[in-house]
């Protein structure tokens, strides 16, 4: 039996991943922020095995309360999957929005630091654990224009993942990342259609990534079979970046 902690679980990827990995007897602690109706539906589907939490990851107080409740109510997570990010805004660097960037750093990076600091020592004591972060193919090779804030945050998250992989490898904990090509989910709602279409046309497979392309790879990295893979950034890109 596994205990999953999934942040950003109310996303399209998060709900699909829960359905993919859940087995009877598992516990899934599922964080969303203001959009957890899908998680409540999953709680019903799994007879209460999914525990939805509406948590503002930009709030230190909310994060402290969330971590404290996890410690009080649940066993040490065996798996931690970190998915949240603010929606990417395509904008020239001269219009860089520092305030929004700091919010995204809180959502993506500082929340991951906070949670990892709380749970990885206990995982290490148990001599087992799987940690997985969501990155982007934009950090592989030369990035696209007009995405500075998003790329900086994702590179910070990659640095955290690879540092943790080194430190905790001897404790039986793997820390990996997936880096998908542009994925057609609700995350793209603020991205112009022309950019989405151009991305598909530029891919060797002539399409963007789908949730069904990404979730199986994530499930593998979370599995026992992936126990000798750590510190990896797995491109899921249709050959566009590797």
C-alpha atoms as a PDB file:
ATOM      1  CA  UNK A   1       0.000   0.000   0.000  1.00  0.00           C
ATOM      2  CA  UNK A   2       1.266   3.412  -0.980  1.00  0.00           C
ATOM      3  CA  UNK A   3       0.664   6.933   0.291  1.00  0.00           C
ATOM      4  CA  UNK A   4       0.801   9.512  -2.490  1.00  0.00           C
ATOM      5  CA  UNK A   5       1.118  13.237  -1.897  1.00  0.00           C
ATOM      6  CA  UNK A   6       0.247  15.040  -5.134  1.00  0.00           C
ATOM      7  CA  UNK A   7       0.349  18.822  -5.379  1.00  0.00           C
ATOM      8  CA  UNK A   8      -1.426  20.341  -8.350  1.00  0.00           C
ATOM      9  CA  UNK A   9      -3.591  17.229  -8.289  1.00  0.00           C
ATOM     10  CA  UNK A  10      -6.660  19.028  -9.643  1.00  0.00           C
ATOM     11  CA  UNK A  11      -4.896  19.615 -12.974  1.00  0.00           C
ATOM     12  CA  UNK A  12      -5.638  17.487 -16.026  1.00  0.00           C
ATOM     13  CA  UNK A  13      -2.377  15.611 -15.474  1.00  0.00           C
ATOM     14  CA  UNK A  14      -2.988  15.245 -11.748  1.00  0.00           C
ATOM     15  CA  UNK A  15      -6.420  13.658 -12.041  1.00  0.00           C
ATOM     16  CA  UNK A  16      -5.257  11.364 -14.858  1.00  0.00           C
ATOM     17  CA  UNK A  17      -2.239  10.295 -12.798  1.00  0.00           C
ATOM     18  CA  UNK A  18      -4.397   9.469  -9.797  1.00  0.00           C
ATOM     19  CA  UNK A  19      -6.577   7.242 -11.953  1.00  0.00           C
ATOM     20  CA  UNK A  20      -3.471   5.599 -13.434  1.00  0.00           C
ATOM     21  CA  UNK A  21      -1.573   4.772 -10.219  1.00  0.00           C
ATOM     22  CA  UNK A  22      -4.310   4.253  -7.635  1.00  0.00           C
ATOM     23  CA  UNK A  23      -4.679   0.730  -6.258  1.00  0.00           C
ATOM     24  CA  UNK A  24      -7.079  -0.445  -3.586  1.00  0.00           C
ATOM     25  CA  UNK A  25      -5.596   0.258  -0.168  1.00  0.00           C
ATOM     26  CA  UNK A  26      -3.600   3.298  -1.296  1.00  0.00           C
ATOM     27  CA  UNK A  27      -3.992   6.727   0.256  1.00  0.00           C
ATOM     28  CA  UNK A  28      -3.820   9.829  -1.939  1.00  0.00           C
ATOM     29  CA  UNK A  29      -3.380  13.286  -0.426  1.00  0.00           C
ATOM     30  CA  UNK A  30      -4.420  15.574  -3.268  1.00  0.00           C
ATOM     31  CA  UNK A  31      -3.796  19.338  -3.204  1.00  0.00           C
ATOM     32  CA  UNK A  32      -5.532  21.845  -5.413  1.00  0.00           C
ATOM     33  CA  UNK A  33      -6.149  25.561  -5.101  1.00  0.00           C
ATOM     34  CA  UNK A  34      -9.675  26.832  -5.619  1.00  0.00           C
ATOM     35  CA  UNK A  35     -10.525  24.104  -8.139  1.00  0.00           C
ATOM     36  CA  UNK A  36     -10.897  20.834  -6.281  1.00  0.00           C
ATOM     37  CA  UNK A  37     -14.302  19.660  -7.528  1.00  0.00           C
ATOM     38  CA  UNK A  38     -12.576  17.010  -9.655  1.00  0.00           C
ATOM     39  CA  UNK A  39     -10.753  15.807  -6.557  1.00  0.00           C
ATOM     40  CA  UNK A  40     -14.001  15.497  -4.622  1.00  0.00           C
ATOM     41  CA  UNK A  41     -15.352  13.377  -7.469  1.00  0.00           C
ATOM     42  CA  UNK A  42     -12.250  11.189  -7.304  1.00  0.00           C
ATOM     43  CA  UNK A  43     -12.733  10.823  -3.555  1.00  0.00           C
ATOM     44  CA  UNK A  44     -16.174   9.380  -4.252  1.00  0.00           C
ATOM     45  CA  UNK A  45     -14.831   7.099  -6.995  1.00  0.00           C
ATOM     46  CA  UNK A  46     -12.166   5.687  -4.645  1.00  0.00           C
ATOM     47  CA  UNK A  47     -14.428   5.329  -1.598  1.00  0.00           C
ATOM     48  CA  UNK A  48     -12.561   8.033   0.279  1.00  0.00           C
ATOM     49  CA  UNK A  49      -9.014   7.009  -0.611  1.00  0.00           C
ATOM     50  CA  UNK A  50      -8.453  10.441  -2.213  1.00  0.00           C
ATOM     51  CA  UNK A  51      -8.254  13.214   0.373  1.00  0.00           C
ATOM     52  CA  UNK A  52      -8.754  16.616  -1.320  1.00  0.00           C
ATOM     53  CA  UNK A  53      -7.114  19.724   0.133  1.00  0.00           C
ATOM     54  CA  UNK A  54      -7.674  23.276  -1.052  1.00  0.00           C
ATOM     55  CA  UNK A  55      -4.348  24.944  -0.216  1.00  0.00           C
ATOM     56  CA  UNK A  56      -2.893  28.248  -1.377  1.00  0.00           C
ATOM     57  CA  UNK A  57       0.743  27.396  -2.118  1.00  0.00           C
ATOM     58  CA  UNK A  58       1.706  31.079  -2.081  1.00  0.00           C
ATOM     59  CA  UNK A  59       0.838  31.323   1.632  1.00  0.00           C
ATOM     60  CA  UNK A  60       3.429  30.233   4.180  1.00  0.00           C
ATOM     61  CA  UNK A  61       0.746  29.854   6.848  1.00  0.00           C
ATOM     62  CA  UNK A  62      -1.389  27.665   4.572  1.00  0.00           C
ATOM     63  CA  UNK A  63       1.634  25.533   3.688  1.00  0.00           C
ATOM     64  CA  UNK A  64       2.580  25.115   7.353  1.00  0.00           C
ATOM     65  CA  UNK A  65      -0.955  24.042   8.230  1.00  0.00           C
ATOM     66  CA  UNK A  66      -1.083  21.614   5.290  1.00  0.00           C
ATOM     67  CA  UNK A  67       2.215  19.958   6.202  1.00  0.00           C
ATOM     68  CA  UNK A  68       1.209  19.744   9.869  1.00  0.00           C
ATOM     69  CA  UNK A  69      -2.068  18.034   8.975  1.00  0.00           C
ATOM     70  CA  UNK A  70      -0.279  15.547   6.714  1.00  0.00           C
ATOM     71  CA  UNK A  71       2.056  14.645   9.585  1.00  0.00           C
ATOM     72  CA  UNK A  72      -0.840  14.275  12.018  1.00  0.00           C
ATOM     73  CA  UNK A  73      -3.317  12.331   9.874  1.00  0.00           C
ATOM     74  CA  UNK A  74      -1.261  10.212   7.480  1.00  0.00           C
ATOM     75  CA  UNK A  75       1.718   7.931   7.292  1.00  0.00           C
ATOM     76  CA  UNK A  76       4.885   9.298   5.715  1.00  0.00           C
ATOM     77  CA  UNK A  77       4.199   9.625   1.983  1.00  0.00           C
ATOM     78  CA  UNK A  78       5.861   6.953  -0.104  1.00  0.00           C
ATOM     79  CA  UNK A  79       5.449   9.098  -3.244  1.00  0.00           C
ATOM     80  CA  UNK A  80       5.508  12.859  -3.756  1.00  0.00           C
ATOM     81  CA  UNK A  81       4.468  14.320  -7.125  1.00  0.00           C
ATOM     82  CA  UNK A  82       4.774  18.085  -7.630  1.00  0.00           C
ATOM     83  CA  UNK A  83       2.782  19.517 -10.551  1.00  0.00           C
ATOM     84  CA  UNK A  84       1.624  23.092  -9.810  1.00  0.00           C
ATOM     85  CA  UNK A  85       2.557  26.186 -11.812  1.00  0.00           C
ATOM     86  CA  UNK A  86       0.937  29.433 -12.757  1.00  0.00           C
ATOM     87  CA  UNK A  87      -0.195  29.495 -16.362  1.00  0.00           C
ATOM     88  CA  UNK A  88       2.548  30.656 -18.662  1.00  0.00           C
ATOM     89  CA  UNK A  89       2.241  34.166 -20.069  1.00  0.00           C
ATOM     90  CA  UNK A  90       4.013  34.830 -23.361  1.00  0.00           C
ATOM     91  CA  UNK A  91       5.572  38.256 -22.953  1.00  0.00           C
ATOM     92  CA  UNK A  92       8.735  40.071 -23.932  1.00  0.00           C
ATOM     93  CA  UNK A  93      11.392  40.435 -21.257  1.00  0.00           C
ATOM     94  CA  UNK A  94      10.978  44.231 -21.240  1.00  0.00           C
ATOM     95  CA  UNK A  95       7.496  43.581 -19.807  1.00  0.00           C
ATOM     96  CA  UNK A  96       8.729  41.088 -17.178  1.00  0.00           C
ATOM     97  CA  UNK A  97       6.276  41.028 -14.255  1.00  0.00           C
ATOM     98  CA  UNK A  98       8.363  40.594 -11.105  1.00  0.00           C
ATOM     99  CA  UNK A  99       5.359  40.272  -8.808  1.00  0.00           C
ATOM    100  CA  UNK A 100       3.797  37.464 -10.827  1.00  0.00           C
ATOM    101  CA  UNK A 101       7.189  35.763 -11.160  1.00  0.00           C
ATOM    102  CA  UNK A 102       7.606  35.703  -7.374  1.00  0.00           C
ATOM    103  CA  UNK A 103       4.139  34.174  -7.036  1.00  0.00           C
ATOM    104  CA  UNK A 104       5.084  31.460  -9.521  1.00  0.00           C
ATOM    105  CA  UNK A 105       8.346  30.794  -7.667  1.00  0.00           C
ATOM    106  CA  UNK A 106       6.275  30.310  -4.503  1.00  0.00           C
ATOM    107  CA  UNK A 107       3.878  27.947  -6.270  1.00  0.00           C
ATOM    108  CA  UNK A 108       6.490  25.913  -8.123  1.00  0.00           C
ATOM    109  CA  UNK A 109       9.744  26.060  -6.177  1.00  0.00           C
ATOM    110  CA  UNK A 110       9.291  27.243  -2.597  1.00  0.00           C
ATOM    111  CA  UNK A 111       6.313  24.942  -2.011  1.00  0.00           C
ATOM    112  CA  UNK A 112       8.386  22.006  -3.283  1.00  0.00           C
ATOM    113  CA  UNK A 113      11.229  22.983  -0.950  1.00  0.00           C
ATOM    114  CA  UNK A 114       8.823  23.286   1.956  1.00  0.00           C
ATOM    115  CA  UNK A 115       7.222  19.898   1.406  1.00  0.00           C
ATOM    116  CA  UNK A 116      10.473  18.073   0.633  1.00  0.00           C
ATOM    117  CA  UNK A 117      12.048  19.444   3.806  1.00  0.00           C
ATOM    118  CA  UNK A 118       9.066  18.119   5.763  1.00  0.00           C
ATOM    119  CA  UNK A 119       8.846  14.611   4.274  1.00  0.00           C
ATOM    120  CA  UNK A 120      12.213  13.544   2.847  1.00  0.00           C
ATOM    121  CA  UNK A 121      13.924  12.912   6.218  1.00  0.00           C
ATOM    122  CA  UNK A 122      11.076  10.538   7.133  1.00  0.00           C
ATOM    123  CA  UNK A 123      11.276   8.889   3.705  1.00  0.00           C
ATOM    124  CA  UNK A 124      15.009   8.449   4.255  1.00  0.00           C
ATOM    125  CA  UNK A 125      14.389   6.804   7.603  1.00  0.00           C
ATOM    126  CA  UNK A 126      11.999   4.396   5.868  1.00  0.00           C
ATOM    127  CA  UNK A 127      14.669   3.767   3.184  1.00  0.00           C
ATOM    128  CA  UNK A 128      12.221   4.215   0.336  1.00  0.00           C
ATOM    129  CA  UNK A 129      10.522   6.957  -1.617  1.00  0.00           C
ATOM    130  CA  UNK A 130       9.693   8.343  -5.053  1.00  0.00           C
ATOM    131  CA  UNK A 131       9.714  12.066  -5.838  1.00  0.00           C
ATOM    132  CA  UNK A 132       8.682  13.444  -9.226  1.00  0.00           C
ATOM    133  CA  UNK A 133       8.596  17.020 -10.537  1.00  0.00           C
ATOM    134  CA  UNK A 134       6.898  18.407 -13.633  1.00  0.00           C
ATOM    135  CA  UNK A 135       9.251  20.440 -15.851  1.00  0.00           C
ATOM    136  CA  UNK A 136       9.013  21.421 -19.527  1.00  0.00           C
ATOM    137  CA  UNK A 137      10.895  20.719 -22.740  1.00  0.00           C
ATOM    138  CA  UNK A 138      11.608  24.476 -22.830  1.00  0.00           C
ATOM    139  CA  UNK A 139      14.559  23.844 -20.486  1.00  0.00           C
ATOM    140  CA  UNK A 140      16.190  21.408 -22.948  1.00  0.00           C
ATOM    141  CA  UNK A 141      18.445  23.142 -25.423  1.00  0.00           C
ATOM    142  CA  UNK A 142      17.708  26.687 -26.546  1.00  0.00           C
ATOM    143  CA  UNK A 143      14.412  27.931 -25.066  1.00  0.00           C
ATOM    144  CA  UNK A 144      11.716  29.774 -26.990  1.00  0.00           C
ATOM    145  CA  UNK A 145      11.362  33.539 -26.799  1.00  0.00           C
ATOM    146  CA  UNK A 146       9.025  35.376 -24.440  1.00  0.00           C
ATOM    147  CA  UNK A 147       8.931  32.754 -21.676  1.00  0.00           C
ATOM    148  CA  UNK A 148      11.626  33.966 -19.281  1.00  0.00           C
ATOM    149  CA  UNK A 149       9.687  33.742 -16.023  1.00  0.00           C
ATOM    150  CA  UNK A 150       8.417  30.232 -16.713  1.00  0.00           C
ATOM    151  CA  UNK A 151      11.831  28.952 -17.807  1.00  0.00           C
ATOM    152  CA  UNK A 152      13.656  30.420 -14.803  1.00  0.00           C
ATOM    153  CA  UNK A 153      11.189  28.788 -12.384  1.00  0.00           C
ATOM    154  CA  UNK A 154      11.417  25.407 -14.121  1.00  0.00           C
ATOM    155  CA  UNK A 155      15.226  25.512 -14.107  1.00  0.00           C
ATOM    156  CA  UNK A 156      15.168  26.249 -10.379  1.00  0.00           C
ATOM    157  CA  UNK A 157      12.922  23.236  -9.872  1.00  0.00           C
ATOM    158  CA  UNK A 158      15.290  21.081 -11.931  1.00  0.00           C
ATOM    159  CA  UNK A 159      18.203  22.214  -9.760  1.00  0.00           C
ATOM    160  CA  UNK A 160      16.297  21.272  -6.632  1.00  0.00           C
ATOM    161  CA  UNK A 161      15.400  17.850  -8.014  1.00  0.00           C
ATOM    162  CA  UNK A 162      18.939  17.008  -9.057  1.00  0.00           C
ATOM    163  CA  UNK A 163      20.412  18.203  -5.751  1.00  0.00           C
ATOM    164  CA  UNK A 164      17.942  16.080  -3.802  1.00  0.00           C
ATOM    165  CA  UNK A 165      18.627  13.087  -6.051  1.00  0.00           C
ATOM    166  CA  UNK A 166      22.317  13.249  -5.135  1.00  0.00           C
ATOM    167  CA  UNK A 167      21.720  13.711  -1.430  1.00  0.00           C
ATOM    168  CA  UNK A 168      19.094  11.000  -0.979  1.00  0.00           C
ATOM    169  CA  UNK A 169      20.179   8.291  -3.431  1.00  0.00           C
ATOM    170  CA  UNK A 170      21.810   6.208  -0.694  1.00  0.00           C
ATOM    171  CA  UNK A 171      18.549   6.326   1.287  1.00  0.00           C
ATOM    172  CA  UNK A 172      16.552   4.520  -1.395  1.00  0.00           C
ATOM    173  CA  UNK A 173      14.780   7.676  -2.566  1.00  0.00           C
ATOM    174  CA  UNK A 174      14.639   8.546  -6.256  1.00  0.00           C
ATOM    175  CA  UNK A 175      14.019  12.111  -7.431  1.00  0.00           C
ATOM    176  CA  UNK A 176      13.198  12.543 -11.115  1.00  0.00           C
ATOM    177  CA  UNK A 177      11.508  14.943 -13.513  1.00  0.00           C
ATOM    178  CA  UNK A 178       9.466  14.745 -16.680  1.00  0.00           C
ATOM    179  CA  UNK A 179       9.888  17.435 -19.339  1.00  0.00           C
ATOM    180  CA  UNK A 180       6.957  17.330 -21.781  1.00  0.00           C
ATOM    181  CA  UNK A 181       6.555  19.190 -25.036  1.00  0.00           C
ATOM    182  CA  UNK A 182       3.686  21.689 -25.086  1.00  0.00           C
ATOM    183  CA  UNK A 183       0.807  19.696 -23.632  1.00  0.00           C
ATOM    184  CA  UNK A 184      -2.780  20.408 -24.654  1.00  0.00           C
ATOM    185  CA  UNK A 185      -4.539  20.897 -21.315  1.00  0.00           C
ATOM    186  CA  UNK A 186      -6.464  23.700 -19.621  1.00  0.00           C
ATOM    187  CA  UNK A 187      -3.026  25.097 -18.675  1.00  0.00           C
ATOM    188  CA  UNK A 188      -2.883  26.576 -22.199  1.00  0.00           C
ATOM    189  CA  UNK A 189      -6.027  28.649 -21.764  1.00  0.00           C
ATOM    190  CA  UNK A 190      -3.989  31.876 -21.720  1.00  0.00           C
ATOM    191  CA  UNK A 191      -1.834  30.851 -24.701  1.00  0.00           C
ATOM    192  CA  UNK A 192      -2.942  32.157 -28.129  1.00  0.00           C
ATOM    193  CA  UNK A 193      -4.215  29.495 -30.526  1.00  0.00           C
ATOM    194  CA  UNK A 194      -1.612  30.520 -33.108  1.00  0.00           C
ATOM    195  CA  UNK A 195       1.207  29.617 -30.696  1.00  0.00           C
ATOM    196  CA  UNK A 196      -0.389  26.250 -29.889  1.00  0.00           C
ATOM    197  CA  UNK A 197      -0.834  25.503 -33.601  1.00  0.00           C
ATOM    198  CA  UNK A 198       2.716  26.598 -34.432  1.00  0.00           C
ATOM    199  CA  UNK A 199       4.067  24.346 -31.707  1.00  0.00           C
ATOM    200  CA  UNK A 200       2.234  21.344 -33.156  1.00  0.00           C
ATOM    201  CA  UNK A 201       3.467  22.132 -36.668  1.00  0.00           C
ATOM    202  CA  UNK A 202       7.088  22.390 -35.447  1.00  0.00           C
ATOM    203  CA  UNK A 203       7.072  19.003 -33.742  1.00  0.00           C
ATOM    204  CA  UNK A 204       8.512  16.054 -35.719  1.00  0.00           C
ATOM    205  CA  UNK A 205       5.281  14.156 -35.016  1.00  0.00           C
ATOM    206  CA  UNK A 206       3.221  17.201 -36.097  1.00  0.00           C
ATOM    207  CA  UNK A 207       1.276  17.434 -32.876  1.00  0.00           C
ATOM    208  CA  UNK A 208       1.557  18.624 -29.291  1.00  0.00           C
ATOM    209  CA  UNK A 209       1.777  16.303 -26.325  1.00  0.00           C
ATOM    210  CA  UNK A 210      -1.357  14.878 -24.739  1.00  0.00           C
ATOM    211  CA  UNK A 211      -1.946  13.891 -21.129  1.00  0.00           C
ATOM    212  CA  UNK A 212      -2.018  10.273 -22.290  1.00  0.00           C
ATOM    213  CA  UNK A 213       1.548  10.660 -23.599  1.00  0.00           C
ATOM    214  CA  UNK A 214       2.883  11.948 -20.299  1.00  0.00           C
ATOM    215  CA  UNK A 215       1.087  10.112 -17.493  1.00  0.00           C
ATOM    216  CA  UNK A 216       2.357   6.587 -18.343  1.00  0.00           C
ATOM    217  CA  UNK A 217       5.959   7.821 -18.198  1.00  0.00           C
ATOM    218  CA  UNK A 218       5.257   9.450 -14.850  1.00  0.00           C
ATOM    219  CA  UNK A 219       3.713   6.251 -13.523  1.00  0.00           C
ATOM    220  CA  UNK A 220       6.835   4.326 -14.545  1.00  0.00           C
ATOM    221  CA  UNK A 221       9.178   6.728 -12.722  1.00  0.00           C
ATOM    222  CA  UNK A 222       6.999   6.319  -9.627  1.00  0.00           C
ATOM    223  CA  UNK A 223       7.112   2.524  -9.810  1.00  0.00           C
ATOM    224  CA  UNK A 224       9.342   0.000  -8.096  1.00  0.00           C
ATOM    225  CA  UNK A 225      10.796  -0.918 -11.490  1.00  0.00           C
ATOM    226  CA  UNK A 226      12.369   2.551 -11.745  1.00  0.00           C
ATOM    227  CA  UNK A 227      14.367   2.132  -8.554  1.00  0.00           C
ATOM    228  CA  UNK A 228      17.771   2.623 -10.252  1.00  0.00           C
ATOM    229  CA  UNK A 229      16.759   5.845 -12.033  1.00  0.00           C
ATOM    230  CA  UNK A 230      17.348   9.082 -10.146  1.00  0.00           C
ATOM    231  CA  UNK A 231      18.314  12.623 -11.072  1.00  0.00           C
ATOM    232  CA  UNK A 232      16.835  12.112 -14.537  1.00  0.00           C
ATOM    233  CA  UNK A 233      14.975  14.649 -16.652  1.00  0.00           C
ATOM    234  CA  UNK A 234      12.891  12.565 -19.053  1.00  0.00           C
ATOM    235  CA  UNK A 235      11.974  14.342 -22.309  1.00  0.00           C
ATOM    236  CA  UNK A 236       8.476  13.508 -23.568  1.00  0.00           C
ATOM    237  CA  UNK A 237       8.691  15.519 -26.746  1.00  0.00           C
ATOM    238  CA  UNK A 238       7.950  13.513 -29.874  1.00  0.00           C
ATOM    239  CA  UNK A 239      11.581  13.942 -30.871  1.00  0.00           C
ATOM    240  CA  UNK A 240      11.575  17.751 -30.645  1.00  0.00           C
ATOM    241  CA  UNK A 241      14.087  17.877 -27.766  1.00  0.00           C
ATOM    242  CA  UNK A 242      16.246  15.230 -26.122  1.00  0.00           C
END
